[in-house]
Amino acid sequence: MLSSISTFVSSRPIFAAATNRTIDDHYGDSVTGRLPMYESQGWSYGPACSGCLAQPAADKTFAGTWHDTTTNRPNDVAHTVTLLFNGV
């Protein structure tokens, strides 16, 4: 009985595909709609920030967006961003 169960289970087809997705810093995940969560006041939306140190060419960034943050004091609040996604 045990061998027939293990044969039945192992003979079932399994359908899976690897997926690679880029999560944009401004527009988020194009499939789930989840957006990054910027968890401090120190972040600036790069394309709208003329005084930001980071100024990459928009055609060199994903979707033409980036965020900038700077800290230079030991006691500054950490500037963090959280991305939620399913997978590994």
PDB file of N, CA and C in Angstrom:
ATOM      1  N   MET A   1       0.825  -1.194   0.000  1.00  0.00           N
ATOM      2  CA  MET A   1       0.000   0.000   0.000  1.00  0.00           C
ATOM      3  C   MET A   1       0.865   1.253   0.000  1.00  0.00           C
ATOM      4  N   LEU A   2       1.910   1.268   0.830  1.00  0.00           N
ATOM      5  CA  LEU A   2       2.774   2.427   0.923  1.00  0.00           C
ATOM      6  C   LEU A   2       3.462   2.724  -0.402  1.00  0.00           C
ATOM      7  N   SER A   3       3.930   1.705  -1.094  1.00  0.00           N
ATOM      8  CA  SER A   3       4.619   1.942  -2.361  1.00  0.00           C
ATOM      9  C   SER A   3       3.669   2.476  -3.421  1.00  0.00           C
ATOM     10  N   SER A   4       2.419   2.060  -3.423  1.00  0.00           N
ATOM     11  CA  SER A   4       1.468   2.573  -4.410  1.00  0.00           C
ATOM     12  C   SER A   4       1.116   4.032  -4.136  1.00  0.00           C
ATOM     13  N   ILE A   5       1.072   4.435  -2.879  1.00  0.00           N
ATOM     14  CA  ILE A   5       0.801   5.840  -2.549  1.00  0.00           C
ATOM     15  C   ILE A   5       1.968   6.718  -2.976  1.00  0.00           C
ATOM     16  N   SER A   6       3.193   6.305  -2.677  1.00  0.00           N
ATOM     17  CA  SER A   6       4.346   7.124  -3.038  1.00  0.00           C
ATOM     18  C   SER A   6       4.497   7.204  -4.552  1.00  0.00           C
ATOM     19  N   THR A   7       4.140   6.152  -5.278  1.00  0.00           N
ATOM     20  CA  THR A   7       4.197   6.191  -6.738  1.00  0.00           C
ATOM     21  C   THR A   7       3.160   7.156  -7.279  1.00  0.00           C
ATOM     22  N   PHE A   8       1.980   7.117  -6.717  1.00  0.00           N
ATOM     23  CA  PHE A   8       0.915   8.024  -7.146  1.00  0.00           C
ATOM     24  C   PHE A   8       1.300   9.481  -6.909  1.00  0.00           C
ATOM     25  N   VAL A   9       1.833   9.778  -5.737  1.00  0.00           N
ATOM     26  CA  VAL A   9       2.207  11.147  -5.400  1.00  0.00           C
ATOM     27  C   VAL A   9       3.343  11.640  -6.279  1.00  0.00           C
ATOM     28  N   SER A  10       4.351  10.805  -6.495  1.00  0.00           N
ATOM     29  CA  SER A  10       5.509  11.243  -7.262  1.00  0.00           C
ATOM     30  C   SER A  10       5.239  11.308  -8.752  1.00  0.00           C
ATOM     31  N   SER A  11       4.174  10.698  -9.241  1.00  0.00           N
ATOM     32  CA  SER A  11       3.893  10.725 -10.670  1.00  0.00           C
ATOM     33  C   SER A  11       3.015  11.906 -11.085  1.00  0.00           C
ATOM     34  N   ARG A  12       2.577  12.704 -10.136  1.00  0.00           N
ATOM     35  CA  ARG A  12       1.742  13.867 -10.464  1.00  0.00           C
ATOM     36  C   ARG A  12       2.604  14.959 -11.082  1.00  0.00           C
ATOM     37  N   PRO A  13       2.134  15.565 -12.148  1.00  0.00           N
ATOM     38  CA  PRO A  13       2.928  16.649 -12.757  1.00  0.00           C
ATOM     39  C   PRO A  13       2.939  17.885 -11.851  1.00  0.00           C
ATOM     40  N   ILE A  14       4.035  18.546 -11.845  1.00  0.00           N
ATOM     41  CA  ILE A  14       4.178  19.784 -11.074  1.00  0.00           C
ATOM     42  C   ILE A  14       4.498  20.899 -12.051  1.00  0.00           C
ATOM     43  N   PHE A  15       3.717  21.954 -12.008  1.00  0.00           N
ATOM     44  CA  PHE A  15       3.919  23.072 -12.920  1.00  0.00           C
ATOM     45  C   PHE A  15       4.443  24.269 -12.135  1.00  0.00           C
ATOM     46  N   ALA A  16       5.611  24.716 -12.496  1.00  0.00           N
ATOM     47  CA  ALA A  16       6.209  25.872 -11.845  1.00  0.00           C
ATOM     48  C   ALA A  16       7.150  26.532 -12.839  1.00  0.00           C
ATOM     49  N   ALA A  17       7.320  27.810 -12.684  1.00  0.00           N
ATOM     50  CA  ALA A  17       8.241  28.539 -13.544  1.00  0.00           C
ATOM     51  C   ALA A  17       8.944  29.601 -12.715  1.00  0.00           C
ATOM     52  N   ALA A  18      10.214  29.734 -12.951  1.00  0.00           N
ATOM     53  CA  ALA A  18      10.970  30.796 -12.284  1.00  0.00           C
ATOM     54  C   ALA A  18      10.542  32.136 -12.855  1.00  0.00           C
ATOM     55  N   THR A  19      10.399  33.107 -11.982  1.00  0.00           N
ATOM     56  CA  THR A  19      10.003  34.447 -12.408  1.00  0.00           C
ATOM     57  C   THR A  19      10.949  35.453 -11.792  1.00  0.00           C
ATOM     58  N   ASN A  20      11.404  36.381 -12.584  1.00  0.00           N
ATOM     59  CA  ASN A  20      12.240  37.464 -12.094  1.00  0.00           C
ATOM     60  C   ASN A  20      11.506  38.762 -12.381  1.00  0.00           C
ATOM     61  N   ARG A  21      11.312  39.565 -11.346  1.00  0.00           N
ATOM     62  CA  ARG A  21      10.565  40.799 -11.505  1.00  0.00           C
ATOM     63  C   ARG A  21      11.320  41.931 -10.826  1.00  0.00           C
ATOM     64  N   THR A  22      11.352  43.093 -11.446  1.00  0.00           N
ATOM     65  CA  THR A  22      11.971  44.269 -10.847  1.00  0.00           C
ATOM     66  C   THR A  22      10.896  45.088 -10.150  1.00  0.00           C
ATOM     67  N   ILE A  23      11.157  45.478  -8.921  1.00  0.00           N
ATOM     68  CA  ILE A  23      10.231  46.328  -8.181  1.00  0.00           C
ATOM     69  C   ILE A  23      10.775  47.748  -8.242  1.00  0.00           C
ATOM     70  N   ASP A  24      10.056  48.621  -8.892  1.00  0.00           N
ATOM     71  CA  ASP A  24      10.500  49.999  -9.070  1.00  0.00           C
ATOM     72  C   ASP A  24      10.397  50.781  -7.767  1.00  0.00           C
ATOM     73  N   ASP A  25      11.323  51.693  -7.554  1.00  0.00           N
ATOM     74  CA  ASP A  25      11.350  52.472  -6.309  1.00  0.00           C
ATOM     75  C   ASP A  25      10.167  53.426  -6.189  1.00  0.00           C
ATOM     76  N   HIS A  26       9.557  53.815  -7.294  1.00  0.00           N
ATOM     77  CA  HIS A  26       8.439  54.766  -7.256  1.00  0.00           C
ATOM     78  C   HIS A  26       7.114  54.109  -7.647  1.00  0.00           C
ATOM     79  N   TYR A  27       7.116  53.305  -8.701  1.00  0.00           N
ATOM     80  CA  TYR A  27       5.894  52.687  -9.208  1.00  0.00           C
ATOM     81  C   TYR A  27       5.606  51.319  -8.575  1.00  0.00           C
ATOM     82  N   GLY A  28       6.585  50.744  -7.892  1.00  0.00           N
ATOM     83  CA  GLY A  28       6.381  49.482  -7.194  1.00  0.00           C
ATOM     84  C   GLY A  28       6.356  48.276  -8.100  1.00  0.00           C
ATOM     85  N   ASP A  29       5.660  47.240  -7.657  1.00  0.00           N
ATOM     86  CA  ASP A  29       5.552  45.959  -8.360  1.00  0.00           C
ATOM     87  C   ASP A  29       4.425  46.058  -9.377  1.00  0.00           C
ATOM     88  N   SER A  30       4.755  45.894 -10.654  1.00  0.00           N
ATOM     89  CA  SER A  30       3.747  46.074 -11.707  1.00  0.00           C
ATOM     90  C   SER A  30       2.671  44.993 -11.696  1.00  0.00           C
ATOM     91  N   VAL A  31       2.921  43.859 -11.049  1.00  0.00           N
ATOM     92  CA  VAL A  31       1.942  42.778 -11.015  1.00  0.00           C
ATOM     93  C   VAL A  31       1.030  42.895  -9.792  1.00  0.00           C
ATOM     94  N   THR A  32       1.611  43.069  -8.597  1.00  0.00           N
ATOM     95  CA  THR A  32       0.804  43.095  -7.375  1.00  0.00           C
ATOM     96  C   THR A  32       0.338  44.501  -6.996  1.00  0.00           C
ATOM     97  N   GLY A  33       1.013  45.530  -7.518  1.00  0.00           N
ATOM     98  CA  GLY A  33       0.673  46.904  -7.161  1.00  0.00           C
ATOM     99  C   GLY A  33       1.289  47.368  -5.853  1.00  0.00           C
ATOM    100  N   ARG A  34       2.039  46.494  -5.176  1.00  0.00           N
ATOM    101  CA  ARG A  34       2.669  46.890  -3.906  1.00  0.00           C
ATOM    102  C   ARG A  34       3.740  47.939  -4.155  1.00  0.00           C
ATOM    103  N   LEU A  35       3.736  48.944  -3.295  1.00  0.00           N
ATOM    104  CA  LEU A  35       4.698  50.041  -3.399  1.00  0.00           C
ATOM    105  C   LEU A  35       5.741  49.951  -2.300  1.00  0.00           C
ATOM    106  N   PRO A  36       6.958  50.424  -2.560  1.00  0.00           N
ATOM    107  CA  PRO A  36       7.952  50.501  -1.498  1.00  0.00           C
ATOM    108  C   PRO A  36       7.465  51.433  -0.391  1.00  0.00           C
ATOM    109  N   MET A  37       7.855  51.134   0.836  1.00  0.00           N
ATOM    110  CA  MET A  37       7.481  51.979   1.974  1.00  0.00           C
ATOM    111  C   MET A  37       8.750  52.652   2.498  1.00  0.00           C
ATOM    112  N   TYR A  38       8.838  53.965   2.309  1.00  0.00           N
ATOM    113  CA  TYR A  38       9.980  54.741   2.792  1.00  0.00           C
ATOM    114  C   TYR A  38       9.676  55.141   4.226  1.00  0.00           C
ATOM    115  N   GLU A  39      10.510  54.663   5.149  1.00  0.00           N
ATOM    116  CA  GLU A  39      10.173  54.741   6.563  1.00  0.00           C
ATOM    117  C   GLU A  39      10.893  55.835   7.334  1.00  0.00           C
ATOM    118  N   SER A  40      11.317  56.840   6.660  1.00  0.00           N
ATOM    119  CA  SER A  40      11.882  57.995   7.358  1.00  0.00           C
ATOM    120  C   SER A  40      11.647  59.226   6.497  1.00  0.00           C
ATOM    121  N   GLN A  41      11.835  60.382   7.081  1.00  0.00           N
ATOM    122  CA  GLN A  41      11.593  61.635   6.372  1.00  0.00           C
ATOM    123  C   GLN A  41      12.753  62.039   5.469  1.00  0.00           C
ATOM    124  N   GLY A  42      13.852  61.296   5.474  1.00  0.00           N
ATOM    125  CA  GLY A  42      15.042  61.698   4.756  1.00  0.00           C
ATOM    126  C   GLY A  42      15.078  61.374   3.277  1.00  0.00           C
ATOM    127  N   TRP A  43      14.049  60.724   2.741  1.00  0.00           N
ATOM    128  CA  TRP A  43      14.052  60.329   1.337  1.00  0.00           C
ATOM    129  C   TRP A  43      13.503  61.438   0.445  1.00  0.00           C
ATOM    130  N   SER A  44      14.111  61.606  -0.723  1.00  0.00           N
ATOM    131  CA  SER A  44      13.608  62.552  -1.728  1.00  0.00           C
ATOM    132  C   SER A  44      13.410  61.800  -3.038  1.00  0.00           C
ATOM    133  N   TYR A  45      12.338  62.128  -3.732  1.00  0.00           N
ATOM    134  CA  TYR A  45      12.088  61.549  -5.057  1.00  0.00           C
ATOM    135  C   TYR A  45      13.049  62.221  -6.026  1.00  0.00           C
ATOM    136  N   GLY A  46      14.027  61.464  -6.526  1.00  0.00           N
ATOM    137  CA  GLY A  46      15.133  61.988  -7.311  1.00  0.00           C
ATOM    138  C   GLY A  46      14.792  62.891  -8.474  1.00  0.00           C
ATOM    139  N   PRO A  47      13.898  62.485  -9.394  1.00  0.00           N
ATOM    140  CA  PRO A  47      13.624  63.333 -10.544  1.00  0.00           C
ATOM    141  C   PRO A  47      13.066  64.716 -10.179  1.00  0.00           C
ATOM    142  N   ALA A  48      12.477  64.848  -9.008  1.00  0.00           N
ATOM    143  CA  ALA A  48      11.900  66.134  -8.588  1.00  0.00           C
ATOM    144  C   ALA A  48      12.816  66.895  -7.623  1.00  0.00           C
ATOM    145  N   CYS A  49      14.028  66.390  -7.395  1.00  0.00           N
ATOM    146  CA  CYS A  49      14.904  66.982  -6.389  1.00  0.00           C
ATOM    147  C   CYS A  49      16.156  67.577  -7.043  1.00  0.00           C
ATOM    148  N   SER A  50      16.133  68.865  -7.285  1.00  0.00           N
ATOM    149  CA  SER A  50      17.281  69.514  -7.930  1.00  0.00           C
ATOM    150  C   SER A  50      18.483  69.624  -6.991  1.00  0.00           C
ATOM    151  N   GLY A  51      18.266  69.595  -5.686  1.00  0.00           N
ATOM    152  CA  GLY A  51      19.362  69.718  -4.735  1.00  0.00           C
ATOM    153  C   GLY A  51      19.936  68.394  -4.254  1.00  0.00           C
ATOM    154  N   CYS A  52      19.434  67.281  -4.762  1.00  0.00           N
ATOM    155  CA  CYS A  52      19.915  65.970  -4.323  1.00  0.00           C
ATOM    156  C   CYS A  52      21.275  65.660  -4.934  1.00  0.00           C
ATOM    157  N   LEU A  53      22.097  64.990  -4.152  1.00  0.00           N
ATOM    158  CA  LEU A  53      23.428  64.623  -4.611  1.00  0.00           C
ATOM    159  C   LEU A  53      23.368  63.610  -5.757  1.00  0.00           C
ATOM    160  N   ALA A  54      22.496  62.628  -5.656  1.00  0.00           N
ATOM    161  CA  ALA A  54      22.358  61.621  -6.723  1.00  0.00           C
ATOM    162  C   ALA A  54      21.551  62.215  -7.868  1.00  0.00           C
ATOM    163  N   GLN A  55      22.142  62.292  -9.045  1.00  0.00           N
ATOM    164  CA  GLN A  55      21.461  62.813 -10.224  1.00  0.00           C
ATOM    165  C   GLN A  55      21.826  61.965 -11.444  1.00  0.00           C
ATOM    166  N   PRO A  56      21.431  60.700 -11.442  1.00  0.00           N
ATOM    167  CA  PRO A  56      21.756  59.852 -12.599  1.00  0.00           C
ATOM    168  C   PRO A  56      20.946  60.278 -13.824  1.00  0.00           C
ATOM    169  N   ALA A  57      21.427  59.899 -14.989  1.00  0.00           N
ATOM    170  CA  ALA A  57      20.652  60.134 -16.212  1.00  0.00           C
ATOM    171  C   ALA A  57      19.404  59.263 -16.149  1.00  0.00           C
ATOM    172  N   ALA A  58      18.241  59.854 -16.394  1.00  0.00           N
ATOM    173  CA  ALA A  58      16.975  59.123 -16.275  1.00  0.00           C
ATOM    174  C   ALA A  58      16.947  57.884 -17.154  1.00  0.00           C
ATOM    175  N   ASP A  59      17.604  57.913 -18.319  1.00  0.00           N
ATOM    176  CA  ASP A  59      17.600  56.744 -19.195  1.00  0.00           C
ATOM    177  C   ASP A  59      18.501  55.620 -18.685  1.00  0.00           C
ATOM    178  N   LYS A  60      19.243  55.871 -17.616  1.00  0.00           N
ATOM    179  CA  LYS A  60      20.093  54.849 -17.005  1.00  0.00           C
ATOM    180  C   LYS A  60      19.448  54.247 -15.755  1.00  0.00           C
ATOM    181  N   THR A  61      18.242  54.683 -15.415  1.00  0.00           N
ATOM    182  CA  THR A  61      17.531  54.162 -14.254  1.00  0.00           C
ATOM    183  C   THR A  61      16.314  53.370 -14.709  1.00  0.00           C
ATOM    184  N   PHE A  62      15.828  52.477 -13.867  1.00  0.00           N
ATOM    185  CA  PHE A  62      14.637  51.701 -14.192  1.00  0.00           C
ATOM    186  C   PHE A  62      13.418  52.617 -14.126  1.00  0.00           C
ATOM    187  N   ALA A  63      12.664  52.706 -15.195  1.00  0.00           N
ATOM    188  CA  ALA A  63      11.448  53.536 -15.300  1.00  0.00           C
ATOM    189  C   ALA A  63      11.727  55.016 -15.085  1.00  0.00           C
ATOM    190  N   GLY A  64      12.997  55.430 -15.172  1.00  0.00           N
ATOM    191  CA  GLY A  64      13.334  56.847 -15.046  1.00  0.00           C
ATOM    192  C   GLY A  64      13.193  57.405 -13.649  1.00  0.00           C
ATOM    193  N   THR A  65      13.192  56.534 -12.620  1.00  0.00           N
ATOM    194  CA  THR A  65      12.988  57.002 -11.253  1.00  0.00           C
ATOM    195  C   THR A  65      14.118  56.564 -10.340  1.00  0.00           C
ATOM    196  N   TRP A  66      14.306  57.297  -9.269  1.00  0.00           N
ATOM    197  CA  TRP A  66      15.235  56.928  -8.202  1.00  0.00           C
ATOM    198  C   TRP A  66      14.888  57.746  -6.975  1.00  0.00           C
ATOM    199  N   HIS A  67      15.390  57.334  -5.842  1.00  0.00           N
ATOM    200  CA  HIS A  67      15.231  58.082  -4.596  1.00  0.00           C
ATOM    201  C   HIS A  67      16.611  58.396  -4.043  1.00  0.00           C
ATOM    202  N   ASP A  68      16.707  59.474  -3.329  1.00  0.00           N
ATOM    203  CA  ASP A  68      17.969  59.934  -2.761  1.00  0.00           C
ATOM    204  C   ASP A  68      17.797  60.150  -1.264  1.00  0.00           C
ATOM    205  N   THR A  69      18.797  59.786  -0.513  1.00  0.00           N
ATOM    206  CA  THR A  69      18.825  60.092   0.912  1.00  0.00           C
ATOM    207  C   THR A  69      20.273  60.270   1.335  1.00  0.00           C
ATOM    208  N   THR A  70      20.502  61.162   2.261  1.00  0.00           N
ATOM    209  CA  THR A  70      21.852  61.430   2.734  1.00  0.00           C
ATOM    210  C   THR A  70      21.836  61.562   4.241  1.00  0.00           C
ATOM    211  N   THR A  71      22.827  60.998   4.852  1.00  0.00           N
ATOM    212  CA  THR A  71      23.010  61.181   6.282  1.00  0.00           C
ATOM    213  C   THR A  71      24.501  61.357   6.527  1.00  0.00           C
ATOM    214  N   ASN A  72      24.840  62.252   7.402  1.00  0.00           N
ATOM    215  CA  ASN A  72      26.260  62.460   7.665  1.00  0.00           C
ATOM    216  C   ASN A  72      26.557  62.680   9.141  1.00  0.00           C
ATOM    217  N   ARG A  73      25.566  62.422   9.981  1.00  0.00           N
ATOM    218  CA  ARG A  73      25.776  62.548  11.426  1.00  0.00           C
ATOM    219  C   ARG A  73      25.531  61.219  12.103  1.00  0.00           C
ATOM    220  N   PRO A  74      26.357  60.850  13.070  1.00  0.00           N
ATOM    221  CA  PRO A  74      26.210  59.536  13.726  1.00  0.00           C
ATOM    222  C   PRO A  74      24.855  59.321  14.388  1.00  0.00           C
ATOM    223  N   ASN A  75      24.184  60.368  14.834  1.00  0.00           N
ATOM    224  CA  ASN A  75      22.911  60.206  15.550  1.00  0.00           C
ATOM    225  C   ASN A  75      21.689  60.393  14.654  1.00  0.00           C
ATOM    226  N   ASP A  76      21.889  60.509  13.346  1.00  0.00           N
ATOM    227  CA  ASP A  76      20.751  60.644  12.431  1.00  0.00           C
ATOM    228  C   ASP A  76      19.883  59.392  12.469  1.00  0.00           C
ATOM    229  N   VAL A  77      18.614  59.574  12.209  1.00  0.00           N
ATOM    230  CA  VAL A  77      17.678  58.456  12.113  1.00  0.00           C
ATOM    231  C   VAL A  77      18.046  57.638  10.868  1.00  0.00           C
ATOM    232  N   ALA A  78      17.982  56.322  10.982  1.00  0.00           N
ATOM    233  CA  ALA A  78      18.270  55.456   9.832  1.00  0.00           C
ATOM    234  C   ALA A  78      17.243  55.705   8.737  1.00  0.00           C
ATOM    235  N   HIS A  79      17.702  55.746   7.514  1.00  0.00           N
ATOM    236  CA  HIS A  79      16.814  55.926   6.368  1.00  0.00           C
ATOM    237  C   HIS A  79      16.574  54.551   5.766  1.00  0.00           C
ATOM    238  N   THR A  80      15.361  54.043   5.901  1.00  0.00           N
ATOM    239  CA  THR A  80      15.065  52.681   5.468  1.00  0.00           C
ATOM    240  C   THR A  80      13.935  52.656   4.452  1.00  0.00           C
ATOM    241  N   VAL A  81      13.943  51.611   3.644  1.00  0.00           N
ATOM    242  CA  VAL A  81      12.860  51.353   2.704  1.00  0.00           C
ATOM    243  C   VAL A  81      12.528  49.873   2.808  1.00  0.00           C
ATOM    244  N   THR A  82      11.228  49.537   2.777  1.00  0.00           N
ATOM    245  CA  THR A  82      10.784  48.160   2.880  1.00  0.00           C
ATOM    246  C   THR A  82      10.056  47.775   1.599  1.00  0.00           C
ATOM    247  N   LEU A  83      10.412  46.605   1.062  1.00  0.00           N
ATOM    248  CA  LEU A  83       9.753  46.046  -0.125  1.00  0.00           C
ATOM    249  C   LEU A  83       9.093  44.741   0.294  1.00  0.00           C
ATOM    250  N   LEU A  84       7.797  44.616   0.065  1.00  0.00           N
ATOM    251  CA  LEU A  84       7.077  43.382   0.394  1.00  0.00           C
ATOM    252  C   LEU A  84       6.861  42.586  -0.881  1.00  0.00           C
ATOM    253  N   PHE A  85       7.196  41.295  -0.847  1.00  0.00           N
ATOM    254  CA  PHE A  85       6.965  40.447  -2.002  1.00  0.00           C
ATOM    255  C   PHE A  85       6.826  39.009  -1.540  1.00  0.00           C
ATOM    256  N   ASN A  86       6.202  38.189  -2.371  1.00  0.00           N
ATOM    257  CA  ASN A  86       6.102  36.751  -2.116  1.00  0.00           C
ATOM    258  C   ASN A  86       7.222  36.077  -2.887  1.00  0.00           C
ATOM    259  N   GLY A  87       7.914  35.160  -2.249  1.00  0.00           N
ATOM    260  CA  GLY A  87       8.983  34.435  -2.925  1.00  0.00           C
ATOM    261  C   GLY A  87      10.241  34.440  -2.099  1.00  0.00           C
ATOM    262  N   VAL A  88      11.315  34.051  -2.746  1.00  0.00           N
ATOM    263  CA  VAL A  88      12.616  34.026  -2.080  1.00  0.00           C
ATOM    264  C   VAL A  88      13.639  34.742  -2.925  1.00  0.00           C
TER     265      VAL A  88
END
